[in-house]
Amino acid sequence: MTAPERSLSRGVVTRYAIGSIGTGGFATLPGLVLVFYLTDTLGVTALVAGLVVTAAKVWDVLIDPWIGERSDRMLAATGTRRTWMRVGALALPVAFIVTFAVPTGLAPAASGTWVFIAFLATATAFSLFQVPYIALPAELTDDYDARTRLLTWRVVVLSVSILLFGAGGPLLRRAGGDDEALGYLVMAVVAGLVIGAGMFVATSTAPRGIAAGERARRSIRAGYAEGIAALRRSRPFRDLLSAFVLQGLATGVMLAGANYVAVWVLHSEDALTFLFLALIAPAVLCAPLWGRLAARIGKERGYVLASALFAVAAASLVGMLWAPGPWVYGPVAVAGAAYAGMQSLPMAMLPDVISHDARRHGEGRAGSFGGVWTAGETAGMALGATLLTVVLALTGYAESTGSAVVTQPGAAVVGIIVAFSLLPAALVVLSLVPLGMYPLRRRDIEADAAAEAVAR
């Protein structure tokens, strides 16, 4: 489907950005509290908790390319990607609530199984929305700077969403008082409904069904074939995706570790709220600034600068080994400013990659690109949480049930700090390798747009 020449209206930009209330909430809250919920409320061991979360995400990774290909087929047949987006928006709140509604008295093994099945359903619902949502920018406009504007405001809302869910989720969790299970359920009900509402609003930005085409049965294998073909033929996509997945792994391990840092390093549950305030407030303020910088020096150069700044800020947090204290909020704030660029700029580069491929290989594959992208992003975030649980297990982290009090060994505390600082910093530095090979520049995208205008 050809991207329209007209500039994006304020309403489209606003409604598309509101979708990030859902994506930010789903990306933040499970990553922040789910492993902790399993280990410190349900008594599931750290490695098993990591496997529960990762297994559900692996399923997500497996189905995302198929969902992307099916979304492309549905667009060709009906003229819209809305249908599955709406199904995902309506189903996610229910599945999310069930995830945190584990009946009291279940053994840890049964509790882990319950969470796994419910979170599997939640992740599936999210993919039904997220894959076509990611594909939309390439179809909404073909303008290089308009895409940056669209994705910049998406990241502003995303940052606010991360702040609301990251700081507000733990506060809602306390609504149950001494009953931790009730607190998690209250959190899930409120968060699930807000996530679903944000996702539902964004579905209105997808074109309405106008085209007529033949529906065709397509196998899961065909979905994978489309995604693999996109990876093979598009070097810009491979480079961009590789960098983004490595950074997803870095942010995933930090996100999963934040709760542990607050409780076992800073010795304050309130510190979790302050960590998110320090991280996200600068991100909200700096997202538009990264967009302006990208307009001057290019998205790819701005992305490199944001990544390098984040790596330096994360590495400095290793100082908690010797002097944990309020000073950590300073480097976290710098990381937050960099994080805004690490989110908005690659997301603005993705539709450039899609349109560049469409010019050379034909249109109608944005969903396949979106499916592979979402699978990679999901894998990175999920494996980040898994990586943390491996560190916890290797350093002797002690699990607990309910409100039981335990004492952590010194090695476990060291592991938490390293996983929150040096490990993500190293991963982001590694991501600069594929990012340095990314070939597209403004002139390439503008040449594609000009050629497309002539073709019309």
Protein backbone atom coordinates (compact mmCIF):
# COMPACT_ATOMS: atom_id res chain seq x y z
CA MET A 1 0.00 0.00 0.00
CA THR A 2 1.47 3.35 -1.02
CA ALA A 3 2.19 5.91 1.64
CA PRO A 4 0.17 9.09 1.14
CA GLU A 5 1.94 12.24 0.02
CA ARG A 6 0.00 14.55 2.32
CA SER A 7 1.51 15.61 5.60
CA LEU A 8 0.30 13.87 8.72
CA SER A 9 -2.59 15.54 10.51
CA ARG A 10 -2.33 16.36 14.19
CA GLY A 11 -5.15 13.94 14.92
CA VAL A 12 -3.37 11.00 13.28
CA VAL A 13 -0.14 11.80 15.12
CA THR A 14 -2.02 12.06 18.42
CA ARG A 15 -4.03 8.87 18.04
CA TYR A 16 -1.03 6.89 16.84
CA ALA A 17 1.00 8.15 19.79
CA ILE A 18 -1.75 7.15 22.24
CA GLY A 19 -1.15 3.55 21.18
CA SER A 20 2.12 3.74 23.06
CA ILE A 21 0.20 3.92 26.31
CA GLY A 22 -0.50 0.28 25.60
CA THR A 23 2.88 -0.69 24.22
CA GLY A 24 4.73 1.17 26.98
CA GLY A 25 2.58 -0.38 29.67
CA PHE A 26 3.00 -3.91 28.38
CA ALA A 27 6.73 -3.49 27.82
CA THR A 28 7.27 -1.99 31.28
CA LEU A 29 5.03 -3.59 33.86
CA PRO A 30 5.55 -7.31 33.16
CA GLY A 31 9.28 -6.73 32.75
CA LEU A 32 9.37 -4.81 36.00
CA VAL A 33 7.24 -6.95 38.31
CA LEU A 34 6.58 -10.38 36.80
CA VAL A 35 9.87 -12.06 37.71
CA PHE A 36 9.77 -10.40 41.14
CA TYR A 37 6.15 -11.56 41.57
CA LEU A 38 7.18 -15.12 40.78
CA THR A 39 10.27 -15.20 43.02
CA ASP A 40 9.17 -13.05 45.96
CA THR A 41 5.43 -13.69 46.18
CA LEU A 42 4.80 -17.11 44.64
CA GLY A 43 8.08 -18.70 45.78
CA VAL A 44 9.19 -19.79 42.30
CA THR A 45 12.97 -20.20 41.99
CA ALA A 46 14.82 -17.54 39.98
CA LEU A 47 15.79 -19.79 37.07
CA VAL A 48 12.28 -21.24 36.76
CA ALA A 49 10.80 -17.73 36.93
CA GLY A 50 13.09 -16.70 34.11
CA LEU A 51 12.07 -19.74 32.07
CA VAL A 52 8.38 -19.01 32.60
CA VAL A 53 8.72 -15.46 31.27
CA THR A 54 11.10 -16.44 28.48
CA ALA A 55 9.02 -19.39 27.27
CA ALA A 56 5.98 -17.14 26.84
CA LYS A 57 8.09 -14.62 24.96
CA VAL A 58 9.62 -17.33 22.76
CA TRP A 59 6.09 -18.20 21.67
CA ASP A 60 5.61 -14.53 20.84
CA VAL A 61 8.78 -14.54 18.77
CA LEU A 62 7.56 -17.61 16.87
CA ILE A 63 4.17 -16.20 15.93
CA ASP A 64 5.14 -12.57 15.19
CA PRO A 65 6.45 -13.19 11.64
CA TRP A 66 3.29 -15.15 10.81
CA ILE A 67 1.10 -12.38 12.23
CA GLY A 68 3.03 -9.87 10.12
CA GLU A 69 2.53 -11.83 6.93
CA ARG A 70 -1.14 -12.37 7.74
CA SER A 71 -1.51 -8.64 8.37
CA ASP A 72 -0.11 -7.92 4.91
CA ARG A 73 -2.53 -10.43 3.39
CA MET A 74 -5.45 -8.91 5.27
CA LEU A 75 -4.47 -5.44 4.07
CA ALA A 76 -4.42 -6.68 0.48
CA ALA A 77 -7.77 -8.46 0.88
CA THR A 78 -9.74 -5.93 2.94
CA GLY A 79 -7.81 -2.67 2.77
CA THR A 80 -7.20 -2.48 6.52
CA ARG A 81 -5.05 -3.82 9.34
CA ARG A 82 -7.62 -2.89 11.99
CA THR A 83 -9.26 -6.23 12.64
CA TRP A 84 -6.47 -8.03 14.46
CA MET A 85 -5.40 -4.80 16.18
CA ARG A 86 -8.85 -4.57 17.75
CA VAL A 87 -8.87 -8.23 18.76
CA GLY A 88 -5.55 -7.74 20.54
CA ALA A 89 -6.70 -4.55 22.26
CA LEU A 90 -9.83 -6.25 23.61
CA ALA A 91 -8.21 -9.54 24.63
CA LEU A 92 -5.09 -8.23 26.35
CA PRO A 93 -6.73 -6.72 29.48
CA VAL A 94 -8.50 -10.00 30.28
CA ALA A 95 -5.39 -12.14 29.89
CA PHE A 96 -3.24 -9.65 31.81
CA ILE A 97 -5.60 -9.67 34.78
CA VAL A 98 -5.67 -13.47 34.82
CA THR A 99 -1.85 -13.53 34.89
CA PHE A 100 -1.87 -11.88 38.32
CA ALA A 101 -4.95 -13.72 39.62
CA VAL A 102 -3.14 -16.86 40.82
CA PRO A 103 -5.34 -18.57 43.46
CA THR A 104 -3.90 -18.55 46.95
CA GLY A 105 -2.52 -21.79 48.28
CA LEU A 106 -1.15 -23.14 45.02
CA ALA A 107 2.26 -24.78 45.11
CA PRO A 108 5.07 -22.82 43.40
CA ALA A 109 5.08 -25.24 40.45
CA ALA A 110 1.34 -24.83 39.88
CA SER A 111 1.59 -21.06 40.34
CA GLY A 112 4.35 -20.88 37.76
CA THR A 113 2.27 -22.92 35.31
CA TRP A 114 -0.74 -20.63 35.82
CA VAL A 115 1.36 -17.52 35.16
CA PHE A 116 2.97 -19.12 32.11
CA ILE A 117 -0.35 -19.98 30.41
CA ALA A 118 -1.98 -16.63 31.20
CA PHE A 119 1.06 -14.62 30.17
CA LEU A 120 1.27 -16.65 26.96
CA ALA A 121 -2.25 -15.48 26.12
CA THR A 122 -1.36 -11.91 27.08
CA ALA A 123 1.71 -11.89 24.85
CA THR A 124 -0.30 -13.31 21.94
CA ALA A 125 -2.93 -10.59 22.27
CA PHE A 126 -0.20 -7.95 22.38
CA SER A 127 1.39 -9.27 19.18
CA LEU A 128 -1.95 -9.15 17.34
CA PHE A 129 -1.94 -5.40 17.99
CA GLN A 130 1.75 -4.53 17.96
CA VAL A 131 2.85 -6.11 14.68
CA PRO A 132 0.43 -4.14 12.44
CA TYR A 133 0.90 -1.07 14.67
CA ILE A 134 4.62 -1.10 13.89
CA ALA A 135 3.88 -1.45 10.16
CA LEU A 136 1.62 1.63 9.96
CA PRO A 137 4.17 4.51 9.82
CA ALA A 138 5.55 3.33 6.48
CA GLU A 139 1.99 3.51 5.10
CA LEU A 140 0.90 6.76 6.74
CA THR A 141 3.55 8.99 5.11
CA ASP A 142 6.59 8.75 2.84
CA ASP A 143 8.22 11.94 4.16
CA TYR A 144 11.59 11.48 5.96
CA ASP A 145 10.98 14.20 8.57
CA ALA A 146 7.26 13.48 8.99
CA ARG A 147 8.14 9.95 10.07
CA THR A 148 10.54 11.35 12.65
CA ARG A 149 7.78 13.64 13.93
CA LEU A 150 5.28 10.78 14.09
CA LEU A 151 7.64 8.49 15.99
CA THR A 152 9.02 11.28 18.20
CA TRP A 153 5.59 11.98 19.66
CA ARG A 154 4.99 8.27 19.96
CA VAL A 155 8.11 8.07 22.13
CA VAL A 156 7.01 11.07 24.20
CA VAL A 157 3.80 9.19 25.03
CA LEU A 158 5.78 5.97 25.43
CA SER A 159 8.04 7.68 27.97
CA VAL A 160 5.09 9.05 29.92
CA SER A 161 3.53 5.59 29.81
CA ILE A 162 6.69 3.97 31.14
CA LEU A 163 6.72 6.53 33.94
CA LEU A 164 3.07 5.98 34.82
CA PHE A 165 3.30 2.20 34.79
CA GLY A 166 6.81 1.98 36.20
CA ALA A 167 6.14 4.32 39.09
CA GLY A 168 2.38 3.84 39.46
CA GLY A 169 2.38 0.04 39.16
CA PRO A 170 4.31 -0.51 42.39
CA LEU A 171 2.08 2.06 44.14
CA LEU A 172 -1.04 0.22 43.01
CA ARG A 173 0.56 -3.01 44.16
CA ARG A 174 0.50 -1.66 47.72
CA ALA A 175 -3.28 -1.29 47.60
CA GLY A 176 -3.56 -4.78 49.01
CA GLY A 177 -1.70 -3.83 52.18
CA ASP A 178 -0.16 -6.93 53.71
CA ASP A 179 -1.94 -9.10 51.14
CA GLU A 180 0.59 -8.97 48.30
CA ALA A 181 -1.49 -11.18 46.02
CA LEU A 182 -4.45 -8.77 46.26
CA GLY A 183 -2.16 -5.82 45.57
CA TYR A 184 -0.88 -7.43 42.38
CA LEU A 185 -4.44 -8.15 41.27
CA VAL A 186 -5.52 -4.53 41.79
CA MET A 187 -2.49 -3.41 39.81
CA ALA A 188 -3.34 -5.82 36.98
CA VAL A 189 -6.97 -4.70 36.72
CA VAL A 190 -6.16 -0.98 36.51
CA ALA A 191 -3.13 -1.41 34.26
CA GLY A 192 -4.81 -3.93 31.96
CA LEU A 193 -7.78 -1.65 31.27
CA VAL A 194 -5.56 1.37 30.59
CA ILE A 195 -3.30 -0.64 28.28
CA GLY A 196 -6.27 -1.96 26.31
CA ALA A 197 -7.84 1.50 25.99
CA GLY A 198 -4.65 3.02 24.60
CA MET A 199 -4.26 0.24 22.07
CA PHE A 200 -7.90 0.52 20.96
CA VAL A 201 -7.58 4.26 20.26
CA ALA A 202 -4.57 3.66 18.02
CA THR A 203 -6.47 1.21 15.82
CA SER A 204 -8.35 4.16 14.33
CA THR A 205 -5.19 5.33 12.54
CA ALA A 206 -5.17 2.23 10.35
CA PRO A 207 -6.90 2.79 6.99
CA ARG A 208 -10.49 1.65 6.79
CA GLY A 209 -11.37 -1.40 4.72
CA ILE A 210 -11.74 -0.21 1.14
CA ALA A 211 -9.77 -2.57 -1.06
CA ALA A 212 -11.13 -5.75 -2.49
CA GLY A 213 -8.98 -8.75 -2.98
CA GLU A 214 -9.03 -12.46 -2.60
CA ARG A 215 -8.45 -13.99 0.78
CA ALA A 216 -6.00 -16.86 0.66
CA ARG A 217 -5.10 -19.44 3.20
CA ARG A 218 -1.51 -18.99 4.26
CA SER A 219 0.54 -21.30 6.40
CA ILE A 220 2.74 -20.33 9.30
CA ARG A 221 5.62 -21.47 7.11
CA ALA A 222 4.69 -18.82 4.53
CA GLY A 223 4.80 -16.17 7.26
CA TYR A 224 8.31 -17.20 8.24
CA ALA A 225 9.37 -17.30 4.61
CA GLU A 226 8.31 -13.67 4.11
CA GLY A 227 10.13 -12.55 7.25
CA ILE A 228 13.31 -14.45 6.43
CA ALA A 229 13.24 -13.08 2.89
CA ALA A 230 13.05 -9.54 4.28
CA LEU A 231 16.09 -10.18 6.46
CA ARG A 232 18.07 -11.71 3.62
CA ARG A 233 17.51 -9.04 1.02
CA SER A 234 17.63 -5.91 3.19
CA ARG A 235 20.98 -5.11 4.74
CA PRO A 236 19.64 -1.88 6.34
CA PHE A 237 16.98 -3.97 8.09
CA ARG A 238 19.52 -6.49 9.38
CA ASP A 239 21.80 -3.76 10.72
CA LEU A 240 19.02 -1.77 12.36
CA LEU A 241 17.32 -4.83 13.85
CA SER A 242 20.60 -6.21 15.24
CA ALA A 243 21.34 -2.95 17.04
CA PHE A 244 17.79 -2.65 18.36
CA VAL A 245 17.67 -6.25 19.65
CA LEU A 246 20.97 -5.86 21.52
CA GLN A 247 19.67 -2.66 23.08
CA GLY A 248 16.40 -4.38 23.93
CA LEU A 249 18.45 -7.00 25.74
CA ALA A 250 20.25 -4.24 27.65
CA THR A 251 17.10 -2.38 28.65
CA GLY A 252 15.35 -5.67 29.45
CA VAL A 253 17.97 -6.69 32.00
CA MET A 254 17.93 -3.20 33.55
CA LEU A 255 14.14 -3.10 33.70
CA ALA A 256 13.91 -6.51 35.34
CA GLY A 257 16.68 -5.55 37.76
CA ALA A 258 15.24 -2.21 38.89
CA ASN A 259 12.99 -3.77 41.54
CA TYR A 260 15.92 -5.76 42.93
CA VAL A 261 18.14 -2.66 43.03
CA ALA A 262 15.48 -0.72 44.93
CA VAL A 263 14.92 -3.46 47.54
CA TRP A 264 18.36 -5.03 47.98
CA VAL A 265 20.80 -2.23 47.07
CA LEU A 266 19.02 1.02 47.96
CA HIS A 267 16.91 -0.71 50.66
CA SER A 268 13.72 1.17 49.84
CA GLU A 269 10.66 0.18 47.83
CA ASP A 270 10.10 3.91 47.24
CA ALA A 271 13.43 3.95 45.38
CA LEU A 272 11.77 2.11 42.51
CA THR A 273 9.42 5.04 41.96
CA PHE A 274 12.32 7.49 42.14
CA LEU A 275 14.36 5.41 39.68
CA PHE A 276 11.55 5.64 37.15
CA LEU A 277 11.05 9.34 37.74
CA ALA A 278 14.77 9.90 37.17
CA LEU A 279 14.72 7.76 34.02
CA ILE A 280 11.55 8.93 32.33
CA ALA A 281 11.24 12.64 33.14
CA PRO A 282 14.37 13.42 31.05
CA ALA A 283 13.13 11.06 28.32
CA VAL A 284 9.87 13.01 27.98
CA LEU A 285 11.75 16.29 27.73
CA CYS A 286 14.48 15.05 25.40
CA ALA A 287 12.49 13.05 22.84
CA PRO A 288 11.64 16.18 20.77
CA LEU A 289 15.26 17.31 21.05
CA TRP A 290 16.50 14.07 19.52
CA GLY A 291 14.04 14.63 16.68
CA ARG A 292 15.48 18.10 16.04
CA LEU A 293 19.02 16.76 16.19
CA ALA A 294 18.13 14.02 13.71
CA ALA A 295 16.75 16.63 11.31
CA ARG A 296 20.16 18.34 11.35
CA ILE A 297 22.65 15.46 11.39
CA GLY A 298 20.56 12.44 10.34
CA LYS A 299 18.70 9.80 12.30
CA GLU A 300 21.53 7.27 12.19
CA ARG A 301 24.11 9.68 13.68
CA GLY A 302 21.70 10.80 16.37
CA TYR A 303 21.06 7.14 17.20
CA VAL A 304 24.79 6.50 17.63
CA LEU A 305 25.14 9.49 19.97
CA ALA A 306 22.15 8.41 22.08
CA SER A 307 23.49 4.87 22.37
CA ALA A 308 26.97 5.96 23.40
CA LEU A 309 25.56 8.32 26.04
CA PHE A 310 23.38 5.56 27.46
CA ALA A 311 26.33 3.15 27.67
CA VAL A 312 28.45 5.64 29.63
CA ALA A 313 25.61 6.45 32.04
CA ALA A 314 24.81 2.76 32.65
CA ALA A 315 28.46 1.84 33.25
CA SER A 316 28.83 4.57 35.89
CA LEU A 317 26.14 2.88 38.02
CA VAL A 318 28.68 0.21 38.98
CA GLY A 319 29.69 2.70 41.68
CA MET A 320 26.81 1.27 43.73
CA LEU A 321 29.19 -1.54 44.63
CA TRP A 322 31.06 0.85 46.90
CA ALA A 323 28.64 3.67 47.67
CA PRO A 324 24.94 2.99 47.04
CA GLY A 325 22.87 6.10 47.56
CA PRO A 326 20.77 8.88 46.01
CA TRP A 327 23.59 9.85 43.63
CA VAL A 328 22.45 7.00 41.34
CA TYR A 329 19.50 9.08 40.17
CA GLY A 330 21.90 11.39 38.29
CA PRO A 331 23.32 8.74 35.92
CA VAL A 332 19.85 7.23 35.59
CA ALA A 333 18.56 10.62 34.43
CA VAL A 334 21.32 10.83 31.81
CA ALA A 335 20.41 7.31 30.68
CA GLY A 336 16.78 8.43 30.44
CA ALA A 337 17.70 11.34 28.18
CA ALA A 338 19.63 8.94 25.95
CA TYR A 339 16.86 6.34 26.06
CA ALA A 340 14.49 8.76 24.33
CA GLY A 341 16.78 8.81 21.30
CA MET A 342 17.35 5.06 21.46
CA GLN A 343 13.59 4.55 21.08
CA SER A 344 12.42 7.32 18.75
CA LEU A 345 15.22 7.25 16.19
CA PRO A 346 15.31 3.53 15.30
CA MET A 347 11.52 3.49 15.17
CA ALA A 348 11.68 6.45 12.76
CA MET A 349 14.34 4.62 10.72
CA LEU A 350 12.25 1.46 10.36
CA PRO A 351 9.66 2.94 7.93
CA ASP A 352 12.60 4.33 5.92
CA VAL A 353 13.94 0.78 5.65
CA ILE A 354 10.51 -0.54 4.64
CA SER A 355 9.95 2.09 1.95
CA HIS A 356 13.50 1.60 0.63
CA ASP A 357 12.80 -2.12 0.26
CA ALA A 358 9.41 -1.46 -1.33
CA ARG A 359 10.99 0.74 -3.98
CA ARG A 360 13.31 -2.09 -5.01
CA HIS A 361 11.28 -5.22 -4.39
CA GLY A 362 7.62 -4.20 -4.45
CA GLU A 363 5.12 -2.97 -1.88
CA GLY A 364 2.85 -4.78 0.55
CA ARG A 365 5.40 -6.27 2.94
CA ALA A 366 5.33 -3.78 5.82
CA GLY A 367 3.58 -6.31 8.05
CA SER A 368 6.31 -8.88 7.47
CA PHE A 369 8.95 -6.34 8.43
CA GLY A 370 6.85 -5.40 11.46
CA GLY A 371 6.48 -9.05 12.47
CA VAL A 372 10.21 -9.72 12.40
CA TRP A 373 10.91 -6.41 14.16
CA THR A 374 8.42 -7.16 16.94
CA ALA A 375 9.81 -10.67 17.29
CA GLY A 376 13.33 -9.29 17.67
CA GLU A 377 12.25 -6.61 20.14
CA THR A 378 10.30 -9.16 22.17
CA ALA A 379 13.21 -11.58 22.18
CA GLY A 380 15.61 -8.91 23.36
CA MET A 381 13.41 -7.77 26.24
CA ALA A 382 12.55 -11.33 27.27
CA LEU A 383 16.11 -12.57 27.18
CA GLY A 384 17.10 -9.52 29.23
CA ALA A 385 14.89 -10.76 32.06
CA THR A 386 16.26 -14.27 31.55
CA LEU A 387 19.82 -12.99 31.71
CA LEU A 388 19.04 -11.34 35.04
CA THR A 389 17.63 -14.58 36.48
CA VAL A 390 20.77 -16.43 35.38
CA VAL A 391 22.89 -13.87 37.22
CA LEU A 392 20.64 -14.19 40.30
CA ALA A 393 20.88 -17.97 40.24
CA LEU A 394 24.66 -17.98 39.80
CA THR A 395 25.15 -15.55 42.69
CA GLY A 396 22.89 -17.42 45.13
CA TYR A 397 19.80 -15.19 45.24
CA ALA A 398 17.35 -16.36 47.94
CA GLU A 399 13.68 -16.59 46.90
CA SER A 400 10.77 -16.00 49.28
CA THR A 401 7.00 -16.44 49.50
CA GLY A 402 4.45 -13.84 50.56
CA SER A 403 5.83 -11.41 53.14
CA ALA A 404 8.56 -13.74 54.41
CA VAL A 405 11.82 -11.95 55.24
CA VAL A 406 15.10 -13.24 53.81
CA THR A 407 18.70 -12.02 53.80
CA GLN A 408 20.55 -11.95 50.51
CA PRO A 409 24.21 -13.05 50.29
CA GLY A 410 26.73 -10.41 49.32
CA ALA A 411 27.40 -12.12 46.00
CA ALA A 412 23.73 -11.77 45.03
CA VAL A 413 23.81 -8.03 45.71
CA VAL A 414 26.96 -7.70 43.60
CA GLY A 415 25.25 -9.64 40.81
CA ILE A 416 22.24 -7.31 40.93
CA ILE A 417 24.47 -4.23 40.60
CA VAL A 418 26.58 -5.63 37.76
CA ALA A 419 23.43 -6.71 35.90
CA PHE A 420 22.08 -3.18 36.26
CA SER A 421 25.24 -1.39 35.11
CA LEU A 422 28.19 -3.04 33.36
CA LEU A 423 26.18 -5.74 31.60
CA PRO A 424 23.73 -3.41 29.80
CA ALA A 425 26.54 -0.96 29.05
CA ALA A 426 28.53 -3.72 27.32
CA LEU A 427 25.49 -4.79 25.29
CA VAL A 428 24.83 -1.25 24.06
CA VAL A 429 28.50 -0.82 23.09
CA LEU A 430 28.20 -4.06 21.12
CA SER A 431 25.11 -2.69 19.34
CA LEU A 432 27.23 0.11 17.87
CA VAL A 433 28.92 -2.43 15.57
CA PRO A 434 25.88 -3.19 13.36
CA LEU A 435 24.65 0.38 13.75
CA GLY A 436 27.93 1.65 12.33
CA MET A 437 27.28 -0.42 9.17
CA TYR A 438 23.74 0.93 8.59
CA PRO A 439 23.88 2.35 5.03
CA LEU A 440 20.78 4.53 4.54
CA ARG A 441 20.97 8.32 4.70
CA ARG A 442 18.46 11.11 4.18
CA ARG A 443 19.39 11.40 0.49
CA ASP A 444 18.48 7.74 -0.08
CA ILE A 445 15.02 8.10 1.45
CA GLU A 446 14.30 11.36 -0.34
CA ALA A 447 15.38 9.76 -3.63
CA ASP A 448 12.97 6.88 -2.98
CA ALA A 449 10.13 9.31 -2.26
CA ALA A 450 10.87 11.32 -5.40
CA ALA A 451 10.94 8.20 -7.55
CA GLU A 452 7.65 7.05 -6.03
CA ALA A 453 6.08 10.44 -6.76
CA VAL A 454 7.13 10.18 -10.39
CA ALA A 455 5.76 6.64 -10.61
CA ARG A 456 2.34 7.83 -9.42
